[in-house]
């Protein structure tokens, strides 16, 4: 969906996420995981992952000072390009198992 080797996003609690302007629309994929796009330019803005209602995945490049964001977790390594290297602390062939999220979130918070 990104036409790139990377899809950099940041996971935020749903309770701390709000749309302050515009009216995002669902993109080309219409499934349980909902990907939202700008209704004008169709840039990918955020995702509400299936089964993770407490979280929203926001495209990191939309955030202020995104140059300082460094990947903590990389996913879908079974589909990655051999030369694509992120330097992430944790790597998973798909998404991490649900039961690992509390530990991963704690570790991430301790690094900040």
C-alpha atoms as a PDB file:
ATOM      1  CA  UNK A   1       0.000   0.000   0.000  1.00  0.00           C
ATOM      2  CA  UNK A   2       2.932   2.382   0.397  1.00  0.00           C
ATOM      3  CA  UNK A   3       4.851   1.735  -2.829  1.00  0.00           C
ATOM      4  CA  UNK A   4       7.917   1.503  -0.640  1.00  0.00           C
ATOM      5  CA  UNK A   5      10.052  -1.015   1.187  1.00  0.00           C
ATOM      6  CA  UNK A   6       8.768   0.458   4.448  1.00  0.00           C
ATOM      7  CA  UNK A   7       5.511   1.395   6.101  1.00  0.00           C
ATOM      8  CA  UNK A   8       6.575   3.333   9.190  1.00  0.00           C
ATOM      9  CA  UNK A   9       3.842   3.797  11.754  1.00  0.00           C
ATOM     10  CA  UNK A  10       3.472   4.585  15.437  1.00  0.00           C
ATOM     11  CA  UNK A  11       1.006   2.809  17.699  1.00  0.00           C
ATOM     12  CA  UNK A  12      -1.078   5.079  19.938  1.00  0.00           C
ATOM     13  CA  UNK A  13      -3.889   4.350  22.420  1.00  0.00           C
ATOM     14  CA  UNK A  14      -7.243   4.987  20.741  1.00  0.00           C
ATOM     15  CA  UNK A  15      -8.273   7.183  23.668  1.00  0.00           C
ATOM     16  CA  UNK A  16      -5.453   9.651  22.882  1.00  0.00           C
ATOM     17  CA  UNK A  17      -6.203   9.831  19.146  1.00  0.00           C
ATOM     18  CA  UNK A  18      -8.563  12.348  17.566  1.00  0.00           C
ATOM     19  CA  UNK A  19      -9.218  13.548  14.034  1.00  0.00           C
ATOM     20  CA  UNK A  20      -9.046  17.334  14.245  1.00  0.00           C
ATOM     21  CA  UNK A  21      -9.568  18.226  10.608  1.00  0.00           C
ATOM     22  CA  UNK A  22     -10.906  16.626   7.458  1.00  0.00           C
ATOM     23  CA  UNK A  23     -12.901  13.491   6.877  1.00  0.00           C
ATOM     24  CA  UNK A  24     -10.659  10.429   6.269  1.00  0.00           C
ATOM     25  CA  UNK A  25     -11.971   7.711   3.966  1.00  0.00           C
ATOM     26  CA  UNK A  26     -11.358   3.973   3.747  1.00  0.00           C
ATOM     27  CA  UNK A  27      -8.875   3.124   0.990  1.00  0.00           C
ATOM     28  CA  UNK A  28      -8.881   0.249  -1.473  1.00  0.00           C
ATOM     29  CA  UNK A  29      -8.749  -2.529   1.123  1.00  0.00           C
ATOM     30  CA  UNK A  30     -12.136  -3.102   2.734  1.00  0.00           C
ATOM     31  CA  UNK A  31     -11.734  -5.638   5.515  1.00  0.00           C
ATOM     32  CA  UNK A  32     -11.754  -5.864   9.273  1.00  0.00           C
ATOM     33  CA  UNK A  33      -8.525  -3.852   9.466  1.00  0.00           C
ATOM     34  CA  UNK A  34      -9.460  -0.362   8.328  1.00  0.00           C
ATOM     35  CA  UNK A  35      -6.891   1.835   6.538  1.00  0.00           C
ATOM     36  CA  UNK A  36      -7.853   5.525   6.432  1.00  0.00           C
ATOM     37  CA  UNK A  37      -6.732   8.016   3.785  1.00  0.00           C
ATOM     38  CA  UNK A  38      -7.003  11.751   3.164  1.00  0.00           C
ATOM     39  CA  UNK A  39     -10.194  12.308   1.172  1.00  0.00           C
ATOM     40  CA  UNK A  40      -8.416  14.874  -1.015  1.00  0.00           C
ATOM     41  CA  UNK A  41      -4.956  13.466  -1.847  1.00  0.00           C
ATOM     42  CA  UNK A  42      -5.522   9.831  -0.786  1.00  0.00           C
ATOM     43  CA  UNK A  43      -2.368   9.767   1.395  1.00  0.00           C
ATOM     44  CA  UNK A  44      -2.436   6.928   3.895  1.00  0.00           C
ATOM     45  CA  UNK A  45      -2.978   8.504   7.333  1.00  0.00           C
ATOM     46  CA  UNK A  46      -3.755   5.841   9.923  1.00  0.00           C
ATOM     47  CA  UNK A  47      -5.006   2.312  10.476  1.00  0.00           C
ATOM     48  CA  UNK A  48      -7.381   0.775  12.988  1.00  0.00           C
ATOM     49  CA  UNK A  49      -6.065  -2.811  13.183  1.00  0.00           C
ATOM     50  CA  UNK A  50      -8.506  -5.691  13.501  1.00  0.00           C
ATOM     51  CA  UNK A  51      -8.688  -7.030  17.051  1.00  0.00           C
ATOM     52  CA  UNK A  52      -6.771  -4.069  18.483  1.00  0.00           C
ATOM     53  CA  UNK A  53      -9.587  -1.619  19.189  1.00  0.00           C
ATOM     54  CA  UNK A  54      -7.567   0.039  21.953  1.00  0.00           C
ATOM     55  CA  UNK A  55      -4.906   1.193  19.461  1.00  0.00           C
ATOM     56  CA  UNK A  56      -4.524   3.277  16.310  1.00  0.00           C
ATOM     57  CA  UNK A  57      -1.547   2.965  13.956  1.00  0.00           C
ATOM     58  CA  UNK A  58      -0.582   6.460  12.715  1.00  0.00           C
ATOM     59  CA  UNK A  59       1.849   7.027   9.814  1.00  0.00           C
ATOM     60  CA  UNK A  60       4.927   8.334  11.643  1.00  0.00           C
ATOM     61  CA  UNK A  61       5.858  10.800   8.904  1.00  0.00           C
ATOM     62  CA  UNK A  62       2.697  12.766   9.732  1.00  0.00           C
ATOM     63  CA  UNK A  63       4.026  13.568  13.197  1.00  0.00           C
ATOM     64  CA  UNK A  64       6.042  16.640  14.086  1.00  0.00           C
ATOM     65  CA  UNK A  65       9.780  16.024  14.254  1.00  0.00           C
ATOM     66  CA  UNK A  66       9.454  12.587  12.641  1.00  0.00           C
ATOM     67  CA  UNK A  67      13.208  12.588  11.908  1.00  0.00           C
ATOM     68  CA  UNK A  68      13.776  11.463  15.511  1.00  0.00           C
ATOM     69  CA  UNK A  69      11.527   8.422  15.314  1.00  0.00           C
ATOM     70  CA  UNK A  70      13.465   5.168  15.242  1.00  0.00           C
ATOM     71  CA  UNK A  71      11.788   1.805  14.649  1.00  0.00           C
ATOM     72  CA  UNK A  72      11.376  -0.259  17.809  1.00  0.00           C
ATOM     73  CA  UNK A  73       9.514  -3.192  16.237  1.00  0.00           C
ATOM     74  CA  UNK A  74       9.603  -4.372  12.639  1.00  0.00           C
ATOM     75  CA  UNK A  75       6.994  -6.768  11.332  1.00  0.00           C
ATOM     76  CA  UNK A  76       6.382  -8.951   8.301  1.00  0.00           C
ATOM     77  CA  UNK A  77      10.035  -9.840   7.845  1.00  0.00           C
ATOM     78  CA  UNK A  78       8.912 -12.853   5.833  1.00  0.00           C
ATOM     79  CA  UNK A  79       7.942 -10.350   3.090  1.00  0.00           C
ATOM     80  CA  UNK A  80      10.780  -7.828   3.397  1.00  0.00           C
ATOM     81  CA  UNK A  81      13.290  -6.949   0.733  1.00  0.00           C
ATOM     82  CA  UNK A  82      16.729  -8.377   1.559  1.00  0.00           C
ATOM     83  CA  UNK A  83      18.380  -4.944   1.510  1.00  0.00           C
ATOM     84  CA  UNK A  84      15.724  -3.200   3.671  1.00  0.00           C
ATOM     85  CA  UNK A  85      17.225  -2.697   7.130  1.00  0.00           C
ATOM     86  CA  UNK A  86      15.510  -0.701   9.891  1.00  0.00           C
ATOM     87  CA  UNK A  87      17.663  -1.235  12.966  1.00  0.00           C
ATOM     88  CA  UNK A  88      14.562  -2.099  15.007  1.00  0.00           C
ATOM     89  CA  UNK A  89      15.098  -3.634  18.439  1.00  0.00           C
ATOM     90  CA  UNK A  90      12.549  -6.420  17.848  1.00  0.00           C
ATOM     91  CA  UNK A  91      11.692  -8.277  14.642  1.00  0.00           C
ATOM     92  CA  UNK A  92       8.748 -10.522  13.811  1.00  0.00           C
ATOM     93  CA  UNK A  93       7.848 -12.507  10.687  1.00  0.00           C
ATOM     94  CA  UNK A  94       4.223 -11.314  11.070  1.00  0.00           C
ATOM     95  CA  UNK A  95       2.742  -9.201  13.886  1.00  0.00           C
ATOM     96  CA  UNK A  96       3.869  -9.933  17.449  1.00  0.00           C
ATOM     97  CA  UNK A  97       1.565 -12.246  19.384  1.00  0.00           C
ATOM     98  CA  UNK A  98      -1.047 -10.301  21.390  1.00  0.00           C
ATOM     99  CA  UNK A  99       0.321 -11.584  24.681  1.00  0.00           C
ATOM    100  CA  UNK A 100       3.729  -9.955  24.000  1.00  0.00           C
ATOM    101  CA  UNK A 101       2.343  -6.416  23.641  1.00  0.00           C
ATOM    102  CA  UNK A 102       2.357  -5.498  27.366  1.00  0.00           C
ATOM    103  CA  UNK A 103       6.049  -6.428  27.674  1.00  0.00           C
ATOM    104  CA  UNK A 104       6.955  -4.677  24.411  1.00  0.00           C
ATOM    105  CA  UNK A 105       5.065  -1.524  25.405  1.00  0.00           C
ATOM    106  CA  UNK A 106       6.766  -1.504  28.798  1.00  0.00           C
ATOM    107  CA  UNK A 107      10.208  -1.920  27.239  1.00  0.00           C
ATOM    108  CA  UNK A 108       9.513   0.852  24.741  1.00  0.00           C
ATOM    109  CA  UNK A 109       8.336   3.196  27.520  1.00  0.00           C
ATOM    110  CA  UNK A 110      11.498   2.506  29.520  1.00  0.00           C
ATOM    111  CA  UNK A 111      13.672   3.513  26.553  1.00  0.00           C
ATOM    112  CA  UNK A 112      12.000   6.896  26.136  1.00  0.00           C
END
